[in-house]
Amino acid sequence: MNYMTKLIIGLGATALFAVFVLGLAHSIITGFAGFTGGLPFLVIVLFVLGLASTDYYLECVKKDKSKPQSH
């Protein structure tokens, strides 16, 4: 896959994932979903978003010199 295509699609997918998960966390923390004490869930969400961002960087942004470049 083209490098620029990977950047754009990966960024879009990561952003959509982040918006969904942060919206879910917001609804849980404010008590809209009927849950109380959503702070532990927020910590988990932030950790997962960090993992998703790291994966985006390693898979889409960082150019790995050990992999053969496809044109």
PDB file of N, CA and C in Angstrom:
ATOM      1  N   MET A   1       0.845  -1.170   0.000  1.00  0.00           N
ATOM      2  CA  MET A   1       0.000   0.000   0.000  1.00  0.00           C
ATOM      3  C   MET A   1       0.894   1.238   0.000  1.00  0.00           C
ATOM      4  N   ASN A   2       0.446   2.249  -0.661  1.00  0.00           N
ATOM      5  CA  ASN A   2       1.172   3.506  -0.768  1.00  0.00           C
ATOM      6  C   ASN A   2       1.349   4.134   0.620  1.00  0.00           C
ATOM      7  N   TYR A   3       2.506   4.775   0.831  1.00  0.00           N
ATOM      8  CA  TYR A   3       2.811   5.384   2.130  1.00  0.00           C
ATOM      9  C   TYR A   3       1.806   6.464   2.492  1.00  0.00           C
ATOM     10  N   MET A   4       1.465   7.338   1.561  1.00  0.00           N
ATOM     11  CA  MET A   4       0.522   8.423   1.841  1.00  0.00           C
ATOM     12  C   MET A   4      -0.872   7.875   2.125  1.00  0.00           C
ATOM     13  N   THR A   5      -1.265   6.826   1.423  1.00  0.00           N
ATOM     14  CA  THR A   5      -2.561   6.200   1.674  1.00  0.00           C
ATOM     15  C   THR A   5      -2.619   5.625   3.078  1.00  0.00           C
ATOM     16  N   LYS A   6      -1.540   4.968   3.496  1.00  0.00           N
ATOM     17  CA  LYS A   6      -1.489   4.419   4.848  1.00  0.00           C
ATOM     18  C   LYS A   6      -1.589   5.524   5.892  1.00  0.00           C
ATOM     19  N   LEU A   7      -0.925   6.651   5.646  1.00  0.00           N
ATOM     20  CA  LEU A   7      -0.987   7.775   6.580  1.00  0.00           C
ATOM     21  C   LEU A   7      -2.406   8.314   6.727  1.00  0.00           C
ATOM     22  N   ILE A   8      -3.070   8.548   5.612  1.00  0.00           N
ATOM     23  CA  ILE A   8      -4.394   9.164   5.637  1.00  0.00           C
ATOM     24  C   ILE A   8      -5.437   8.220   6.231  1.00  0.00           C
ATOM     25  N   ILE A   9      -5.470   6.986   5.755  1.00  0.00           N
ATOM     26  CA  ILE A   9      -6.464   6.030   6.243  1.00  0.00           C
ATOM     27  C   ILE A   9      -6.201   5.673   7.706  1.00  0.00           C
ATOM     28  N   GLY A  10      -4.944   5.499   8.064  1.00  0.00           N
ATOM     29  CA  GLY A  10      -4.611   5.185   9.452  1.00  0.00           C
ATOM     30  C   GLY A  10      -4.970   6.314  10.399  1.00  0.00           C
ATOM     31  N   LEU A  11      -4.713   7.545   9.987  1.00  0.00           N
ATOM     32  CA  LEU A  11      -5.059   8.697  10.819  1.00  0.00           C
ATOM     33  C   LEU A  11      -6.573   8.834  10.966  1.00  0.00           C
ATOM     34  N   GLY A  12      -7.288   8.640   9.877  1.00  0.00           N
ATOM     35  CA  GLY A  12      -8.749   8.717   9.935  1.00  0.00           C
ATOM     36  C   GLY A  12      -9.349   7.645  10.825  1.00  0.00           C
ATOM     37  N   ALA A  13      -8.855   6.428  10.697  1.00  0.00           N
ATOM     38  CA  ALA A  13      -9.371   5.326  11.513  1.00  0.00           C
ATOM     39  C   ALA A  13      -9.042   5.535  12.988  1.00  0.00           C
ATOM     40  N   THR A  14      -7.831   5.986  13.270  1.00  0.00           N
ATOM     41  CA  THR A  14      -7.447   6.239  14.658  1.00  0.00           C
ATOM     42  C   THR A  14      -8.266   7.381  15.245  1.00  0.00           C
ATOM     43  N   ALA A  15      -8.518   8.410  14.459  1.00  0.00           N
ATOM     44  CA  ALA A  15      -9.318   9.538  14.940  1.00  0.00           C
ATOM     45  C   ALA A  15     -10.766   9.119  15.206  1.00  0.00           C
ATOM     46  N   LEU A  16     -11.349   8.328  14.312  1.00  0.00           N
ATOM     47  CA  LEU A  16     -12.713   7.846  14.538  1.00  0.00           C
ATOM     48  C   LEU A  16     -12.799   6.972  15.786  1.00  0.00           C
ATOM     49  N   PHE A  17     -11.815   6.120  15.968  1.00  0.00           N
ATOM     50  CA  PHE A  17     -11.763   5.273  17.159  1.00  0.00           C
ATOM     51  C   PHE A  17     -11.669   6.128  18.417  1.00  0.00           C
ATOM     52  N   ALA A  18     -10.824   7.148  18.379  1.00  0.00           N
ATOM     53  CA  ALA A  18     -10.642   8.023  19.543  1.00  0.00           C
ATOM     54  C   ALA A  18     -11.925   8.783  19.865  1.00  0.00           C
ATOM     55  N   VAL A  19     -12.611   9.292  18.854  1.00  0.00           N
ATOM     56  CA  VAL A  19     -13.855  10.028  19.081  1.00  0.00           C
ATOM     57  C   VAL A  19     -14.909   9.105  19.692  1.00  0.00           C
ATOM     58  N   PHE A  20     -15.026   7.898  19.172  1.00  0.00           N
ATOM     59  CA  PHE A  20     -16.002   6.948  19.702  1.00  0.00           C
ATOM     60  C   PHE A  20     -15.706   6.589  21.148  1.00  0.00           C
ATOM     61  N   VAL A  21     -14.462   6.234  21.437  1.00  0.00           N
ATOM     62  CA  VAL A  21     -14.108   5.785  22.782  1.00  0.00           C
ATOM     63  C   VAL A  21     -14.183   6.934  23.784  1.00  0.00           C
ATOM     64  N   LEU A  22     -13.754   8.125  23.391  1.00  0.00           N
ATOM     65  CA  LEU A  22     -13.856   9.264  24.299  1.00  0.00           C
ATOM     66  C   LEU A  22     -15.315   9.664  24.543  1.00  0.00           C
ATOM     67  N   GLY A  23     -16.155   9.554  23.535  1.00  0.00           N
ATOM     68  CA  GLY A  23     -17.585   9.810  23.725  1.00  0.00           C
ATOM     69  C   GLY A  23     -18.214   8.799  24.659  1.00  0.00           C
ATOM     70  N   LEU A  24     -17.822   7.552  24.503  1.00  0.00           N
ATOM     71  CA  LEU A  24     -18.305   6.504  25.406  1.00  0.00           C
ATOM     72  C   LEU A  24     -17.833   6.766  26.829  1.00  0.00           C
ATOM     73  N   ALA A  25     -16.587   7.140  26.979  1.00  0.00           N
ATOM     74  CA  ALA A  25     -16.046   7.440  28.313  1.00  0.00           C
ATOM     75  C   ALA A  25     -16.760   8.638  28.926  1.00  0.00           C
ATOM     76  N   HIS A  26     -17.033   9.651  28.116  1.00  0.00           N
ATOM     77  CA  HIS A  26     -17.729  10.832  28.624  1.00  0.00           C
ATOM     78  C   HIS A  26     -19.131  10.468  29.125  1.00  0.00           C
ATOM     79  N   SER A  27     -19.836   9.645  28.357  1.00  0.00           N
ATOM     80  CA  SER A  27     -21.190   9.278  28.778  1.00  0.00           C
ATOM     81  C   SER A  27     -21.168   8.426  30.045  1.00  0.00           C
ATOM     82  N   ILE A  28     -20.163   7.611  30.218  1.00  0.00           N
ATOM     83  CA  ILE A  28     -20.067   6.791  31.424  1.00  0.00           C
ATOM     84  C   ILE A  28     -19.679   7.649  32.621  1.00  0.00           C
ATOM     85  N   ILE A  29     -18.735   8.558  32.424  1.00  0.00           N
ATOM     86  CA  ILE A  29     -18.261   9.389  33.540  1.00  0.00           C
ATOM     87  C   ILE A  29     -19.347  10.341  34.035  1.00  0.00           C
ATOM     88  N   THR A  30     -20.148  10.886  33.126  1.00  0.00           N
ATOM     89  CA  THR A  30     -21.184  11.821  33.549  1.00  0.00           C
ATOM     90  C   THR A  30     -22.403  11.117  34.126  1.00  0.00           C
ATOM     91  N   GLY A  31     -22.440   9.804  34.062  1.00  0.00           N
ATOM     92  CA  GLY A  31     -23.545   9.055  34.625  1.00  0.00           C
ATOM     93  C   GLY A  31     -24.709   8.869  33.678  1.00  0.00           C
ATOM     94  N   PHE A  32     -24.551   9.248  32.419  1.00  0.00           N
ATOM     95  CA  PHE A  32     -25.634   9.119  31.445  1.00  0.00           C
ATOM     96  C   PHE A  32     -26.013   7.655  31.229  1.00  0.00           C
ATOM     97  N   ALA A  33     -25.040   6.771  31.255  1.00  0.00           N
ATOM     98  CA  ALA A  33     -25.306   5.362  31.002  1.00  0.00           C
ATOM     99  C   ALA A  33     -25.773   4.623  32.254  1.00  0.00           C
ATOM    100  N   GLY A  34     -25.911   5.326  33.365  1.00  0.00           N
ATOM    101  CA  GLY A  34     -26.373   4.685  34.585  1.00  0.00           C
ATOM    102  C   GLY A  34     -25.254   4.200  35.483  1.00  0.00           C
ATOM    103  N   PHE A  35     -24.016   4.415  35.070  1.00  0.00           N
ATOM    104  CA  PHE A  35     -22.873   3.999  35.876  1.00  0.00           C
ATOM    105  C   PHE A  35     -22.372   5.189  36.686  1.00  0.00           C
ATOM    106  N   THR A  36     -21.754   4.907  37.799  1.00  0.00           N
ATOM    107  CA  THR A  36     -21.118   5.954  38.593  1.00  0.00           C
ATOM    108  C   THR A  36     -19.663   5.591  38.809  1.00  0.00           C
ATOM    109  N   GLY A  37     -18.843   6.583  39.058  1.00  0.00           N
ATOM    110  CA  GLY A  37     -17.421   6.336  39.302  1.00  0.00           C
ATOM    111  C   GLY A  37     -16.691   5.881  38.058  1.00  0.00           C
ATOM    112  N   GLY A  38     -16.749   6.669  37.009  1.00  0.00           N
ATOM    113  CA  GLY A  38     -16.142   6.291  35.744  1.00  0.00           C
ATOM    114  C   GLY A  38     -14.679   6.622  35.603  1.00  0.00           C
ATOM    115  N   LEU A  39     -14.035   7.101  36.660  1.00  0.00           N
ATOM    116  CA  LEU A  39     -12.619   7.463  36.560  1.00  0.00           C
ATOM    117  C   LEU A  39     -11.724   6.273  36.190  1.00  0.00           C
ATOM    118  N   PRO A  40     -11.905   5.079  36.777  1.00  0.00           N
ATOM    119  CA  PRO A  40     -11.078   3.954  36.341  1.00  0.00           C
ATOM    120  C   PRO A  40     -11.262   3.629  34.855  1.00  0.00           C
ATOM    121  N   PHE A  41     -12.489   3.796  34.371  1.00  0.00           N
ATOM    122  CA  PHE A  41     -12.735   3.559  32.947  1.00  0.00           C
ATOM    123  C   PHE A  41     -12.000   4.579  32.096  1.00  0.00           C
ATOM    124  N   LEU A  42     -11.956   5.829  32.554  1.00  0.00           N
ATOM    125  CA  LEU A  42     -11.237   6.865  31.817  1.00  0.00           C
ATOM    126  C   LEU A  42      -9.748   6.549  31.746  1.00  0.00           C
ATOM    127  N   VAL A  43      -9.189   6.047  32.818  1.00  0.00           N
ATOM    128  CA  VAL A  43      -7.769   5.678  32.821  1.00  0.00           C
ATOM    129  C   VAL A  43      -7.515   4.568  31.806  1.00  0.00           C
ATOM    130  N   ILE A  44      -8.408   3.582  31.770  1.00  0.00           N
ATOM    131  CA  ILE A  44      -8.271   2.487  30.797  1.00  0.00           C
ATOM    132  C   ILE A  44      -8.389   3.026  29.378  1.00  0.00           C
ATOM    133  N   VAL A  45      -9.338   3.930  29.147  1.00  0.00           N
ATOM    134  CA  VAL A  45      -9.530   4.508  27.814  1.00  0.00           C
ATOM    135  C   VAL A  45      -8.293   5.274  27.375  1.00  0.00           C
ATOM    136  N   LEU A  46      -7.725   6.059  28.253  1.00  0.00           N
ATOM    137  CA  LEU A  46      -6.518   6.813  27.893  1.00  0.00           C
ATOM    138  C   LEU A  46      -5.351   5.881  27.587  1.00  0.00           C
ATOM    139  N   PHE A  47      -5.239   4.785  28.333  1.00  0.00           N
ATOM    140  CA  PHE A  47      -4.191   3.801  28.062  1.00  0.00           C
ATOM    141  C   PHE A  47      -4.394   3.156  26.688  1.00  0.00           C
ATOM    142  N   VAL A  48      -5.626   2.780  26.381  1.00  0.00           N
ATOM    143  CA  VAL A  48      -5.921   2.150  25.087  1.00  0.00           C
ATOM    144  C   VAL A  48      -5.688   3.130  23.941  1.00  0.00           C
ATOM    145  N   LEU A  49      -6.036   4.401  24.132  1.00  0.00           N
ATOM    146  CA  LEU A  49      -5.770   5.396  23.091  1.00  0.00           C
ATOM    147  C   LEU A  49      -4.272   5.590  22.881  1.00  0.00           C
ATOM    148  N   GLY A  50      -3.509   5.503  23.956  1.00  0.00           N
ATOM    149  CA  GLY A  50      -2.054   5.544  23.818  1.00  0.00           C
ATOM    150  C   GLY A  50      -1.532   4.367  23.010  1.00  0.00           C
ATOM    151  N   LEU A  51      -2.089   3.187  23.264  1.00  0.00           N
ATOM    152  CA  LEU A  51      -1.694   2.014  22.484  1.00  0.00           C
ATOM    153  C   LEU A  51      -2.069   2.167  21.014  1.00  0.00           C
ATOM    154  N   ALA A  52      -3.257   2.696  20.748  1.00  0.00           N
ATOM    155  CA  ALA A  52      -3.697   2.890  19.362  1.00  0.00           C
ATOM    156  C   ALA A  52      -2.814   3.913  18.648  1.00  0.00           C
ATOM    157  N   SER A  53      -2.452   4.978  19.352  1.00  0.00           N
ATOM    158  CA  SER A  53      -1.577   5.995  18.757  1.00  0.00           C
ATOM    159  C   SER A  53      -0.184   5.436  18.475  1.00  0.00           C
ATOM    160  N   THR A  54       0.325   4.633  19.388  1.00  0.00           N
ATOM    161  CA  THR A  54       1.626   4.001  19.178  1.00  0.00           C
ATOM    162  C   THR A  54       1.594   3.053  17.993  1.00  0.00           C
ATOM    163  N   ASP A  55       0.513   2.282  17.875  1.00  0.00           N
ATOM    164  CA  ASP A  55       0.387   1.370  16.748  1.00  0.00           C
ATOM    165  C   ASP A  55       0.304   2.135  15.432  1.00  0.00           C
ATOM    166  N   TYR A  56      -0.439   3.246  15.415  1.00  0.00           N
ATOM    167  CA  TYR A  56      -0.512   4.059  14.201  1.00  0.00           C
ATOM    168  C   TYR A  56       0.876   4.566  13.813  1.00  0.00           C
ATOM    169  N   TYR A  57       1.619   5.041  14.796  1.00  0.00           N
ATOM    170  CA  TYR A  57       2.952   5.553  14.508  1.00  0.00           C
ATOM    171  C   TYR A  57       3.857   4.454  13.954  1.00  0.00           C
ATOM    172  N   LEU A  58       3.861   3.290  14.611  1.00  0.00           N
ATOM    173  CA  LEU A  58       4.764   2.215  14.193  1.00  0.00           C
ATOM    174  C   LEU A  58       4.371   1.612  12.846  1.00  0.00           C
ATOM    175  N   GLU A  59       3.071   1.531  12.565  1.00  0.00           N
ATOM    176  CA  GLU A  59       2.624   0.889  11.323  1.00  0.00           C
ATOM    177  C   GLU A  59       2.551   1.842  10.141  1.00  0.00           C
ATOM    178  N   CYS A  60       2.260   3.113  10.391  1.00  0.00           N
ATOM    179  CA  CYS A  60       1.989   4.021   9.275  1.00  0.00           C
ATOM    180  C   CYS A  60       3.022   5.127   9.103  1.00  0.00           C
ATOM    181  N   VAL A  61       3.557   5.643  10.190  1.00  0.00           N
ATOM    182  CA  VAL A  61       4.426   6.814  10.095  1.00  0.00           C
ATOM    183  C   VAL A  61       5.892   6.427  10.003  1.00  0.00           C
ATOM    184  N   LYS A  62       6.325   5.591  10.928  1.00  0.00           N
ATOM    185  CA  LYS A  62       7.741   5.228  10.993  1.00  0.00           C
ATOM    186  C   LYS A  62       8.113   4.365   9.785  1.00  0.00           C
ATOM    187  N   LYS A  63       9.174   4.775   9.123  1.00  0.00           N
ATOM    188  CA  LYS A  63       9.655   3.994   7.983  1.00  0.00           C
ATOM    189  C   LYS A  63      10.652   2.965   8.487  1.00  0.00           C
ATOM    190  N   ASP A  64      10.303   1.689   8.315  1.00  0.00           N
ATOM    191  CA  ASP A  64      11.150   0.599   8.787  1.00  0.00           C
ATOM    192  C   ASP A  64      12.170   0.251   7.712  1.00  0.00           C
ATOM    193  N   LYS A  65      13.414   0.338   8.065  1.00  0.00           N
ATOM    194  CA  LYS A  65      14.473   0.071   7.073  1.00  0.00           C
ATOM    195  C   LYS A  65      14.683  -1.417   6.838  1.00  0.00           C
ATOM    196  N   SER A  66      14.188  -2.269   7.738  1.00  0.00           N
ATOM    197  CA  SER A  66      14.379  -3.708   7.559  1.00  0.00           C
ATOM    198  C   SER A  66      13.389  -4.314   6.573  1.00  0.00           C
ATOM    199  N   LYS A  67      12.245  -3.642   6.349  1.00  0.00           N
ATOM    200  CA  LYS A  67      11.265  -4.129   5.398  1.00  0.00           C
ATOM    201  C   LYS A  67      11.628  -3.642   3.997  1.00  0.00           C
ATOM    202  N   PRO A  68      11.439  -4.497   2.995  1.00  0.00           N
ATOM    203  CA  PRO A  68      11.707  -4.032   1.634  1.00  0.00           C
ATOM    204  C   PRO A  68      10.653  -3.021   1.209  1.00  0.00           C
ATOM    205  N   GLN A  69      11.092  -1.967   0.542  1.00  0.00           N
ATOM    206  CA  GLN A  69      10.194  -0.921   0.091  1.00  0.00           C
ATOM    207  C   GLN A  69       9.466  -1.381  -1.159  1.00  0.00           C
ATOM    208  N   SER A  70       8.134  -1.304  -1.158  1.00  0.00           N
ATOM    209  CA  SER A  70       7.360  -1.655  -2.343  1.00  0.00           C
ATOM    210  C   SER A  70       6.963  -0.382  -3.078  1.00  0.00           C
ATOM    211  N   HIS A  71       7.015  -0.418  -4.375  1.00  0.00           N
ATOM    212  CA  HIS A  71       6.713   0.775  -5.175  1.00  0.00           C
ATOM    213  C   HIS A  71       5.450   0.578  -5.939  1.00  0.00           C
TER     214      HIS A  71
END
